[in-house]
Structures are given as structure tokens and as C-alpha cells.
Amino acid sequence: MQTMSLRITPDEFDARCQRLLAYVKKNNWNGVVLFDNYFILYFTGFAFIPTERPMAFAMNASAERALFVPRLEVEHAQSAARVERVESYPEYPGNPHPMARFKSVLDAMNIQSKIGADTDGYPLILGYQGAALSSLTGAAIENVNAFVNSLMAIKSDAELALIRESVKWGNLAHRLLQKYTRVGANEVEVSKRASIEATLTLIDTLGPLYRAQSFFDDGPSAGYRGQIGRNAAIPHSLTTNATFLAGDVLVTGAGCPMWGYLSELERTMIVGEPSAEQKKFFEHMVNLQDTALENIKPGKKCSDVDKAVRAYFEKNNLMAYWRHHSGHAIGLRYHEGPFLDSGDDTVLEPGMVFTVEPGLYVPELGGFRHSDTAVVTQDGIEMLTYYPRDLASLTIPV
């Protein structure tokens, strides 16, 4: 029964829509239109693969909700979306264009003169072309992104339960990744073995109760993404099909989509006995992460956290190895706002979930970065990830 609860309930989707409706009425809009696939998932429970075929969620000031989809998504949307009705069009580009059909849907819902929207029309992705929402309807379009993002930033108990479950399976995938990493092995071989084994274990455990609701992964995964040896000094590297060598610095990544919700676990590992330089930068990296974690408290600003981290960089003459801010929020999106950055003055609130990941990148040596997922509580933080952080535990024997 506890596993059955690992899902957002219809009542929670309805409550989210009620908060959005209140915002619509506060601004005297006729309704709201959302094109972003994560926004649509957040308010309706409908997960889909965004393509050139336009899709949208619409709600009018009377609380009527509709989903607009191509014909190929009708049955999918009807079975999964928390809306009163599903409207459709045959295909894109079609004749007439799908957005002409969408205008008729908005007219029928009396969403005409003042509209809140995340973008002024369907985004130009995968070759899509079409009229802007403003030119299509003649309506004044007001951007709703900041409000929706603020809702998504504060996680409910149900969302936190899904993130906690994600953490468990990401932890397993990383355990297997470390277990199978050895000198002479190939990064793709090791990553695939760990990810597939963790995914099969999840399926054996949760069975049909599990849904990834992700178009990136269908279960737990762990890997290196090319962050091996000197290439570990490239924070967003790509897989290079590398072979592990003694002396390599390794930067990992692991997680698991759980009904769309994500967590992040990253570790720095060393192949063989660490050198003095590797030990030095590893210790600085842990201190940097500890600095960030110690400064995450309700009432403080996101910028306060990053400024404290940068102060450590400067004090220890490490700015030459700085590359990015100290972390970001996470939830349905792998990266969400707010950001632990000196330019983000968002006040930290209980329920916000962050990855905490200041890193050091030494071109001639490699990269050093742990990432942990943590939730802001009433008096500080709760660490959700729990993989070992010390060097001894993260040293790969040769």
C-alpha cells in the first residue's frame, strides 16, 4: 500500500489547477494556455514526448480544463490526463494548420481577449512553424512562467516521496557502477551494465506500479558521460567510450525518474591510490560542498549560498578552477529554478529541493564534484541522497 502511494493523486492535480485558476482570476484573464510539456505534466499528469506536433493545456476562468493533442495522442491523453476533455487535430502540418483548430477550441472556452501563457505560441522545436498565440487570437498575452515555476519550486509531501524513491534507485545504480568499474573496462560497458541491472531490479520490485514518465530514461541509470581522467575537467562532457586507467579521476552521475520526478547523485572517484594533488583537490571539493550545505537555510537567499562558496574559492586561491554555480532546484525537470547562484536572490523556503554541487576543474588533472539532493526544512536541510562522500570509500582498487 505504501508503494501505491508513490504517485500524485487526482486531488493534488486538482489543487494545483485551483491555484492556477486563482492566479488567472487575480489577473482578470479569460484563461491560461500552457505549451511546455513539464507544465502540462505538472497540472494534468500527462507525460508525453514533445515533437513538432503542437500540444497544449487550456483552462478558462470557469475552471474548465482541456488538452489539445494530435490524433496519435488522443487515447493516451484520455487515459492519463486529469482534464474534462481532450480535443484533437489530424496531423501536423495539416490543412488547415493545427493552430486554426486550437483557436476554435479557445473560442469555445471563451479564452479570447486576455490570456496567460508560458510562451506566445507553440515553441519552434523539431521543425515546427506556426502562428503566434497573440496573432492567432488577437489577445493580449501575459507571461505565466514565473508563477508556475514558483508553484513547482515548493514540493508537496507526495512529490518528496517520489524524489526519495528516486534517490533509492539512483543509489543502487551508483553502487553497481562503482562495483563494476575497474582498470581496462570500458565506460559504456560499465554504465550499461549498472543501469540495466538496477532497472531490472526495480522492475522485479515494483512491477506495474512503476512509471518513469520520462523520455530520457526508463529506469535507474548511472554513468560517467565521458568525465574520465583529464576529461573529467569538462563539467558537461559527453561519453568518449573511454577505458579506465590507473590514476584516473572519475566524475559520475546517477538517478532515476519516478513518475517524472528526479534526483541527482554525483561522486568523484579515483582509480588506484590517490596522488597528493588528487587528495588536495578532493578535500577542497568536499569543503566547498559542506560550505554550500551549511548555508542552505530557510529565510536566506540562494545567492547567499553561492557567495559563501565563492568566498571559499577566493580564500584558498582556487578561482582558476571555478566553472559554475553551486547548484539548482530539481523536480520534474533535471534543472529547475531557483539556482544557487550569486545572481539569484530567491529566498529559500521549506519544500524546495536542490542539487548541491560546487566543483573544481583542474585541466591537467581532472574534475572534482560531488552532487547531493537535499530538501530545505523548517530549520535547515535534510540530505536525501546518502552515498558515501569520503575518499577512502570512493577509491577504486587496482
Protein backbone atom coordinates (compact mmCIF):
# COMPACT_ATOMS: atom_id res chain seq x y z
CA MET A 1 0.00 0.00 0.00
CA GLN A 2 2.91 2.36 0.69
CA THR A 3 4.26 1.79 -2.83
CA MET A 4 0.80 2.50 -4.24
CA SER A 5 1.03 5.97 -2.67
CA LEU A 6 4.10 6.80 -4.75
CA ARG A 7 2.08 8.71 -7.28
CA ILE A 8 0.49 12.15 -7.46
CA THR A 9 -3.23 11.82 -6.70
CA PRO A 10 -6.06 13.32 -8.74
CA ASP A 11 -6.88 15.56 -5.78
CA GLU A 12 -3.38 17.06 -5.88
CA PHE A 13 -3.64 17.78 -9.62
CA ASP A 14 -6.99 19.47 -8.95
CA ALA A 15 -5.48 21.55 -6.15
CA ARG A 16 -2.65 22.70 -8.44
CA CYS A 17 -5.19 23.76 -11.06
CA GLN A 18 -7.17 25.65 -8.41
CA ARG A 19 -4.07 27.67 -7.53
CA LEU A 20 -3.51 28.40 -11.19
CA LEU A 21 -7.19 29.36 -11.55
CA ALA A 22 -6.90 31.79 -8.65
CA TYR A 23 -3.97 33.43 -10.44
CA VAL A 24 -5.99 33.66 -13.65
CA LYS A 25 -8.84 35.39 -11.82
CA LYS A 26 -6.48 37.69 -9.92
CA ASN A 27 -5.15 38.96 -13.25
CA ASN A 28 -8.62 39.18 -14.87
CA TRP A 29 -7.62 36.82 -17.66
CA ASN A 30 -10.11 34.80 -19.71
CA GLY A 31 -7.91 31.77 -19.24
CA VAL A 32 -4.45 30.26 -19.40
CA VAL A 33 -2.62 28.26 -22.09
CA LEU A 34 0.45 26.11 -21.41
CA PHE A 35 2.61 24.52 -24.12
CA ASP A 36 5.57 23.33 -22.04
CA ASN A 37 5.48 19.55 -21.59
CA TYR A 38 6.64 19.74 -17.95
CA PHE A 39 3.99 22.33 -17.12
CA ILE A 40 1.36 20.12 -18.74
CA LEU A 41 2.59 17.13 -16.73
CA TYR A 42 2.52 19.19 -13.53
CA PHE A 43 -1.11 20.25 -13.92
CA THR A 44 -2.63 17.20 -15.66
CA GLY A 45 -0.45 14.15 -15.01
CA PHE A 46 0.00 13.65 -18.75
CA ALA A 47 3.58 12.77 -19.74
CA PHE A 48 4.41 12.83 -23.42
CA ILE A 49 7.24 13.24 -25.90
CA PRO A 50 7.21 16.79 -27.31
CA THR A 51 7.63 16.85 -31.09
CA GLU A 52 6.77 19.18 -33.97
CA ARG A 53 3.11 18.33 -33.36
CA PRO A 54 1.68 21.15 -31.16
CA MET A 55 0.14 20.19 -27.83
CA ALA A 56 -1.39 22.46 -25.21
CA PHE A 57 -3.30 22.63 -21.94
CA ALA A 58 -6.03 25.27 -21.66
CA MET A 59 -8.14 26.33 -18.68
CA ASN A 60 -10.72 29.10 -18.71
CA ALA A 61 -11.87 31.37 -15.89
CA SER A 62 -14.72 28.94 -15.17
CA ALA A 63 -12.19 26.18 -14.34
CA GLU A 64 -12.94 24.13 -17.46
CA ARG A 65 -9.81 22.19 -18.49
CA ALA A 66 -8.95 20.86 -21.94
CA LEU A 67 -5.97 19.19 -23.53
CA PHE A 68 -5.20 19.79 -27.21
CA VAL A 69 -3.28 16.96 -28.90
CA PRO A 70 -2.62 15.38 -32.31
CA ARG A 71 -4.76 12.38 -33.25
CA LEU A 72 -1.97 9.96 -32.42
CA GLU A 73 -2.07 11.07 -28.75
CA VAL A 74 -5.86 11.01 -28.19
CA GLU A 75 -6.22 7.66 -26.42
CA HIS A 76 -3.01 8.29 -24.48
CA ALA A 77 -4.29 11.66 -23.26
CA GLN A 78 -7.77 10.36 -22.46
CA SER A 79 -6.32 7.62 -20.26
CA ALA A 80 -3.75 9.74 -18.43
CA ALA A 81 -4.72 13.42 -18.30
CA ARG A 82 -6.72 14.99 -15.48
CA VAL A 83 -8.90 17.22 -17.72
CA GLU A 84 -12.58 17.49 -18.62
CA ARG A 85 -12.00 16.82 -22.28
CA VAL A 86 -9.40 16.10 -24.94
CA GLU A 87 -9.55 18.00 -28.24
CA SER A 88 -7.55 16.89 -31.25
CA TYR A 89 -6.46 17.59 -34.82
CA PRO A 90 -5.46 15.09 -37.54
CA GLU A 91 -1.74 15.80 -38.04
CA TYR A 92 0.93 18.47 -38.39
CA PRO A 93 1.39 20.45 -40.60
CA GLY A 94 -2.08 19.56 -41.90
CA ASN A 95 -4.56 21.65 -43.81
CA PRO A 96 -5.90 23.60 -42.08
CA HIS A 97 -2.98 24.15 -39.69
CA PRO A 98 -3.50 22.62 -36.20
CA MET A 99 -3.42 26.07 -34.60
CA ALA A 100 -6.53 27.06 -36.56
CA ARG A 101 -8.29 24.18 -34.82
CA PHE A 102 -6.80 25.30 -31.50
CA LYS A 103 -8.27 28.78 -31.98
CA SER A 104 -11.73 27.25 -32.29
CA VAL A 105 -11.13 25.35 -29.03
CA LEU A 106 -10.14 28.59 -27.26
CA ASP A 107 -13.15 30.41 -28.72
CA ALA A 108 -15.49 27.70 -27.43
CA MET A 109 -13.91 28.07 -23.97
CA ASN A 110 -14.19 31.88 -24.13
CA ILE A 111 -10.40 32.25 -23.86
CA GLN A 112 -10.09 35.25 -26.15
CA SER A 113 -9.12 38.76 -25.09
CA LYS A 114 -6.67 38.32 -22.18
CA ILE A 115 -4.67 35.12 -21.89
CA GLY A 116 -1.94 33.95 -19.56
CA ALA A 117 0.56 31.70 -21.33
CA ASP A 118 4.04 30.25 -20.92
CA THR A 119 5.01 31.20 -24.49
CA ASP A 120 3.33 33.16 -27.25
CA GLY A 121 2.56 30.06 -29.26
CA TYR A 122 3.93 26.56 -29.57
CA PRO A 123 7.76 26.56 -29.39
CA LEU A 124 9.73 26.26 -32.62
CA ILE A 125 11.04 22.74 -31.97
CA LEU A 126 11.88 19.91 -34.39
CA GLY A 127 10.90 21.97 -37.42
CA TYR A 128 7.55 23.29 -36.14
CA GLN A 129 6.27 26.50 -37.67
CA GLY A 130 3.01 28.22 -36.81
CA ALA A 131 1.29 31.44 -35.85
CA ALA A 132 1.96 33.12 -32.52
CA LEU A 133 -0.85 32.82 -29.99
CA SER A 134 -1.28 36.60 -29.97
CA SER A 135 -1.67 36.87 -33.74
CA LEU A 136 -3.88 33.79 -33.86
CA THR A 137 -6.33 35.09 -31.25
CA GLY A 138 -5.76 38.85 -31.27
CA ALA A 139 -5.48 38.57 -27.49
CA ALA A 140 -3.07 40.24 -25.11
CA ILE A 141 -0.69 37.54 -23.87
CA GLU A 142 0.70 37.73 -20.33
CA ASN A 143 3.59 35.50 -19.32
CA VAL A 144 2.79 33.00 -16.57
CA ASN A 145 6.18 31.28 -16.24
CA ALA A 146 7.31 32.92 -13.02
CA PHE A 147 4.13 31.94 -11.21
CA VAL A 148 4.13 28.33 -12.43
CA ASN A 149 7.81 27.95 -11.59
CA SER A 150 7.13 29.26 -8.08
CA LEU A 151 4.46 26.58 -7.61
CA MET A 152 6.77 23.85 -8.86
CA ALA A 153 9.62 25.02 -6.61
CA ILE A 154 7.82 24.05 -3.36
CA LYS A 155 7.43 20.28 -3.29
CA SER A 156 4.46 18.61 -1.64
CA ASP A 157 4.76 15.55 0.59
CA ALA A 158 3.77 13.37 -2.37
CA GLU A 159 6.43 14.94 -4.58
CA LEU A 160 9.06 14.47 -1.88
CA ALA A 161 8.05 10.82 -1.55
CA LEU A 162 8.68 10.33 -5.27
CA ILE A 163 12.04 12.09 -5.06
CA ARG A 164 13.03 9.93 -2.07
CA GLU A 165 12.13 6.82 -4.06
CA SER A 166 14.18 8.14 -6.98
CA VAL A 167 17.13 8.53 -4.61
CA LYS A 168 16.95 4.86 -3.57
CA TRP A 169 17.21 3.55 -7.09
CA GLY A 170 19.84 6.07 -8.15
CA ASN A 171 21.86 4.89 -5.14
CA LEU A 172 21.60 1.27 -6.31
CA ALA A 173 22.66 2.16 -9.85
CA HIS A 174 25.69 4.04 -8.50
CA ARG A 175 26.64 1.13 -6.21
CA LEU A 176 26.69 -1.13 -9.23
CA LEU A 177 28.61 1.43 -11.28
CA GLN A 178 31.35 1.59 -8.67
CA LYS A 179 31.35 -2.19 -8.28
CA TYR A 180 31.94 -2.83 -11.99
CA THR A 181 34.47 -0.04 -12.60
CA ARG A 182 37.98 -1.45 -12.98
CA VAL A 183 41.18 -0.79 -14.90
CA GLY A 184 40.79 -1.87 -18.51
CA ALA A 185 36.98 -1.76 -18.52
CA ASN A 186 35.08 0.48 -20.94
CA GLU A 187 32.90 3.30 -19.58
CA VAL A 188 29.92 2.36 -21.81
CA GLU A 189 30.12 -1.30 -20.82
CA VAL A 190 30.19 -0.45 -17.12
CA SER A 191 27.46 2.21 -17.33
CA LYS A 192 25.10 -0.02 -19.30
CA ARG A 193 25.67 -3.00 -17.03
CA ALA A 194 24.98 -0.98 -13.88
CA SER A 195 21.95 0.81 -15.34
CA ILE A 196 20.32 -2.29 -16.80
CA GLU A 197 20.90 -4.36 -13.67
CA ALA A 198 19.44 -1.62 -11.46
CA THR A 199 16.46 -1.20 -13.79
CA LEU A 200 15.68 -4.92 -13.84
CA THR A 201 15.87 -4.99 -10.03
CA LEU A 202 13.43 -2.06 -9.86
CA ILE A 203 11.01 -3.79 -12.22
CA ASP A 204 11.21 -7.00 -10.17
CA THR A 205 10.49 -4.96 -7.03
CA LEU A 206 7.79 -2.51 -8.14
CA GLY A 207 6.48 -4.22 -11.27
CA PRO A 208 3.49 -2.50 -12.91
CA LEU A 209 3.31 0.08 -10.11
CA TYR A 210 6.34 1.86 -11.60
CA ARG A 211 6.20 4.55 -14.24
CA ALA A 212 9.25 6.52 -15.33
CA GLN A 213 7.18 9.17 -17.15
CA SER A 214 10.39 10.34 -18.80
CA PHE A 215 11.52 10.42 -22.39
CA PHE A 216 15.18 10.24 -21.27
CA ASP A 217 15.27 7.07 -19.14
CA ASP A 218 13.02 4.11 -18.39
CA GLY A 219 14.61 3.26 -15.05
CA PRO A 220 17.67 3.87 -12.85
CA SER A 221 20.87 4.87 -14.60
CA ALA A 222 24.45 5.62 -13.67
CA GLY A 223 27.42 6.57 -15.77
CA TYR A 224 30.35 8.82 -16.45
CA ARG A 225 29.35 10.83 -19.52
CA GLY A 226 32.98 10.97 -20.57
CA GLN A 227 34.16 12.59 -17.32
CA ILE A 228 37.20 10.34 -17.06
CA GLY A 229 40.84 11.29 -16.48
CA ARG A 230 41.67 14.79 -17.71
CA ASN A 231 38.31 14.86 -19.47
CA ALA A 232 36.71 14.98 -16.02
CA ALA A 233 37.74 18.65 -16.03
CA ILE A 234 34.96 19.28 -18.59
CA PRO A 235 31.82 19.66 -16.41
CA HIS A 236 29.33 18.82 -19.18
CA SER A 237 31.38 16.36 -21.17
CA LEU A 238 29.94 13.64 -23.41
CA THR A 239 30.70 9.94 -23.48
CA THR A 240 34.01 9.20 -25.22
CA ASN A 241 33.98 5.39 -25.00
CA ALA A 242 36.99 5.65 -22.69
CA THR A 243 38.85 2.83 -20.98
CA PHE A 244 39.63 3.24 -17.28
CA LEU A 245 43.30 3.65 -16.38
CA ALA A 246 45.11 3.66 -13.06
CA GLY A 247 45.34 7.22 -11.77
CA ASP A 248 42.13 8.40 -13.45
CA VAL A 249 39.85 10.90 -11.76
CA LEU A 250 36.24 9.88 -12.42
CA VAL A 251 33.12 12.03 -12.07
CA THR A 252 29.88 10.04 -12.02
CA GLY A 253 26.17 10.70 -12.31
CA ALA A 254 23.19 8.61 -11.19
CA GLY A 255 19.44 9.00 -10.82
CA CYS A 256 16.07 7.51 -11.59
CA PRO A 257 12.85 9.05 -12.97
CA MET A 258 9.97 8.19 -10.64
CA TRP A 259 6.60 9.16 -12.09
CA GLY A 260 8.54 12.00 -13.72
CA TYR A 261 10.33 13.18 -10.56
CA LEU A 262 14.12 13.16 -10.43
CA SER A 263 17.03 13.19 -8.02
CA GLU A 264 20.73 13.67 -8.64
CA LEU A 265 23.70 11.81 -7.20
CA GLU A 266 27.25 12.53 -8.41
CA ARG A 267 30.56 11.44 -6.98
CA THR A 268 34.26 11.90 -7.65
CA MET A 269 36.18 8.61 -7.59
CA ILE A 270 39.88 7.85 -8.05
CA VAL A 271 41.27 4.73 -9.74
CA GLY A 272 44.11 3.43 -7.56
CA GLU A 273 45.96 5.16 -4.74
CA PRO A 274 45.22 8.90 -4.95
CA SER A 275 48.13 11.26 -5.53
CA ALA A 276 48.85 14.17 -3.21
CA GLU A 277 47.33 16.59 -5.74
CA GLN A 278 44.22 14.46 -6.13
CA LYS A 279 43.81 14.31 -2.35
CA LYS A 280 44.21 18.09 -2.08
CA PHE A 281 41.55 18.94 -4.64
CA PHE A 282 39.21 16.21 -3.39
CA GLU A 283 39.41 17.70 0.12
CA HIS A 284 38.73 21.21 -1.22
CA MET A 285 35.74 19.89 -3.17
CA VAL A 286 34.20 18.30 -0.07
CA ASN A 287 34.81 21.51 1.89
CA LEU A 288 33.11 23.53 -0.84
CA GLN A 289 30.07 21.28 -0.78
CA ASP A 290 29.96 21.41 3.02
CA THR A 291 30.08 25.22 2.81
CA ALA A 292 27.10 25.23 0.48
CA LEU A 293 25.12 22.78 2.62
CA GLU A 294 25.80 24.74 5.80
CA ASN A 295 24.45 27.92 4.21
CA ILE A 296 21.16 26.47 2.93
CA LYS A 297 18.61 27.64 5.47
CA PRO A 298 15.04 28.95 5.17
CA GLY A 299 14.99 32.73 5.00
CA LYS A 300 18.41 33.01 3.39
CA LYS A 301 18.81 33.80 -0.29
CA CYS A 302 20.02 31.43 -2.97
CA SER A 303 22.71 34.00 -3.71
CA ASP A 304 23.97 33.79 -0.10
CA VAL A 305 24.84 30.12 -0.63
CA ASP A 306 26.83 30.72 -3.79
CA LYS A 307 28.59 33.77 -2.35
CA ALA A 308 29.79 31.69 0.61
CA VAL A 309 31.10 29.04 -1.78
CA ARG A 310 32.89 31.63 -3.93
CA ALA A 311 34.42 33.14 -0.79
CA TYR A 312 36.00 29.74 -0.08
CA PHE A 313 37.33 29.63 -3.66
CA GLU A 314 38.87 33.08 -3.25
CA LYS A 315 40.26 32.47 0.23
CA ASN A 316 42.06 29.34 -0.97
CA ASN A 317 43.21 30.79 -4.31
CA LEU A 318 41.03 28.36 -6.29
CA MET A 319 39.10 30.68 -8.63
CA ALA A 320 41.14 29.44 -11.62
CA TYR A 321 39.33 26.12 -11.13
CA TRP A 322 35.79 27.55 -10.76
CA ARG A 323 33.35 26.84 -13.61
CA HIS A 324 29.72 27.06 -12.42
CA HIS A 325 27.29 27.96 -9.66
CA SER A 326 26.71 25.85 -6.57
CA GLY A 327 23.51 24.06 -7.55
CA HIS A 328 19.99 24.19 -8.87
CA ALA A 329 16.49 23.09 -7.98
CA ILE A 330 15.29 19.72 -9.25
CA GLY A 331 11.93 18.01 -9.61
CA LEU A 332 10.12 17.20 -12.84
CA ARG A 333 12.94 18.94 -14.68
CA TYR A 334 16.55 17.88 -14.31
CA HIS A 335 17.37 21.57 -13.89
CA GLU A 336 14.75 23.85 -12.33
CA GLY A 337 14.84 27.27 -10.77
CA PRO A 338 15.72 28.77 -8.43
CA PHE A 339 19.51 28.45 -8.70
CA LEU A 340 22.22 28.55 -6.06
CA ASP A 341 23.89 31.41 -7.88
CA SER A 342 25.12 34.83 -6.84
CA GLY A 343 22.63 36.35 -9.29
CA ASP A 344 19.53 34.63 -7.85
CA ASP A 345 18.09 36.37 -4.79
CA THR A 346 15.17 33.97 -4.35
CA VAL A 347 14.50 33.37 -0.65
CA LEU A 348 14.92 29.75 0.39
CA GLU A 349 11.71 28.14 1.65
CA PRO A 350 10.85 24.75 3.19
CA GLY A 351 9.96 22.25 0.48
CA MET A 352 12.50 23.49 -2.06
CA VAL A 353 14.71 20.67 -3.35
CA PHE A 354 18.22 21.37 -4.64
CA THR A 355 21.21 19.59 -6.05
CA VAL A 356 24.25 20.89 -4.21
CA GLU A 357 27.30 20.57 -6.45
CA PRO A 358 30.11 23.13 -6.38
CA GLY A 359 33.03 21.72 -8.33
CA LEU A 360 36.72 22.20 -9.05
CA TYR A 361 38.13 21.61 -12.54
CA VAL A 362 41.88 21.25 -12.99
CA PRO A 363 42.73 20.86 -16.70
CA GLU A 364 45.94 18.88 -16.19
CA LEU A 365 44.41 16.62 -13.50
CA GLY A 366 40.63 16.25 -13.83
CA GLY A 367 37.38 17.39 -12.27
CA PHE A 368 36.22 17.11 -8.66
CA ARG A 369 32.48 17.30 -7.99
CA HIS A 370 30.01 15.62 -5.67
CA SER A 371 26.32 16.33 -6.14
CA ASP A 372 23.73 15.58 -3.49
CA THR A 373 20.00 16.18 -3.46
CA ALA A 374 18.68 17.98 -0.38
CA VAL A 375 15.36 19.48 0.70
CA VAL A 376 15.02 22.72 2.67
CA THR A 377 13.28 22.13 6.01
CA GLN A 378 11.91 24.45 8.69
CA ASP A 379 15.31 24.76 10.35
CA GLY A 380 17.87 23.79 7.71
CA ILE A 381 18.13 20.95 5.24
CA GLU A 382 17.59 17.22 5.01
CA MET A 383 20.01 15.30 2.84
CA LEU A 384 18.04 12.94 0.60
CA THR A 385 21.00 11.24 -1.08
CA TYR A 386 23.20 9.19 1.20
CA TYR A 387 26.03 7.71 -0.85
CA PRO A 388 29.47 7.86 0.87
CA ARG A 389 31.38 11.11 0.28
CA ASP A 390 34.82 10.26 1.71
CA LEU A 391 37.83 9.49 -0.45
CA ALA A 392 38.53 6.05 1.03
CA SER A 393 35.04 4.86 0.09
CA LEU A 394 35.41 6.27 -3.42
CA THR A 395 38.81 4.83 -4.30
CA ILE A 396 38.69 2.08 -6.96
CA PRO A 397 41.19 -0.69 -6.12
CA VAL A 398 43.76 -1.62 -8.76
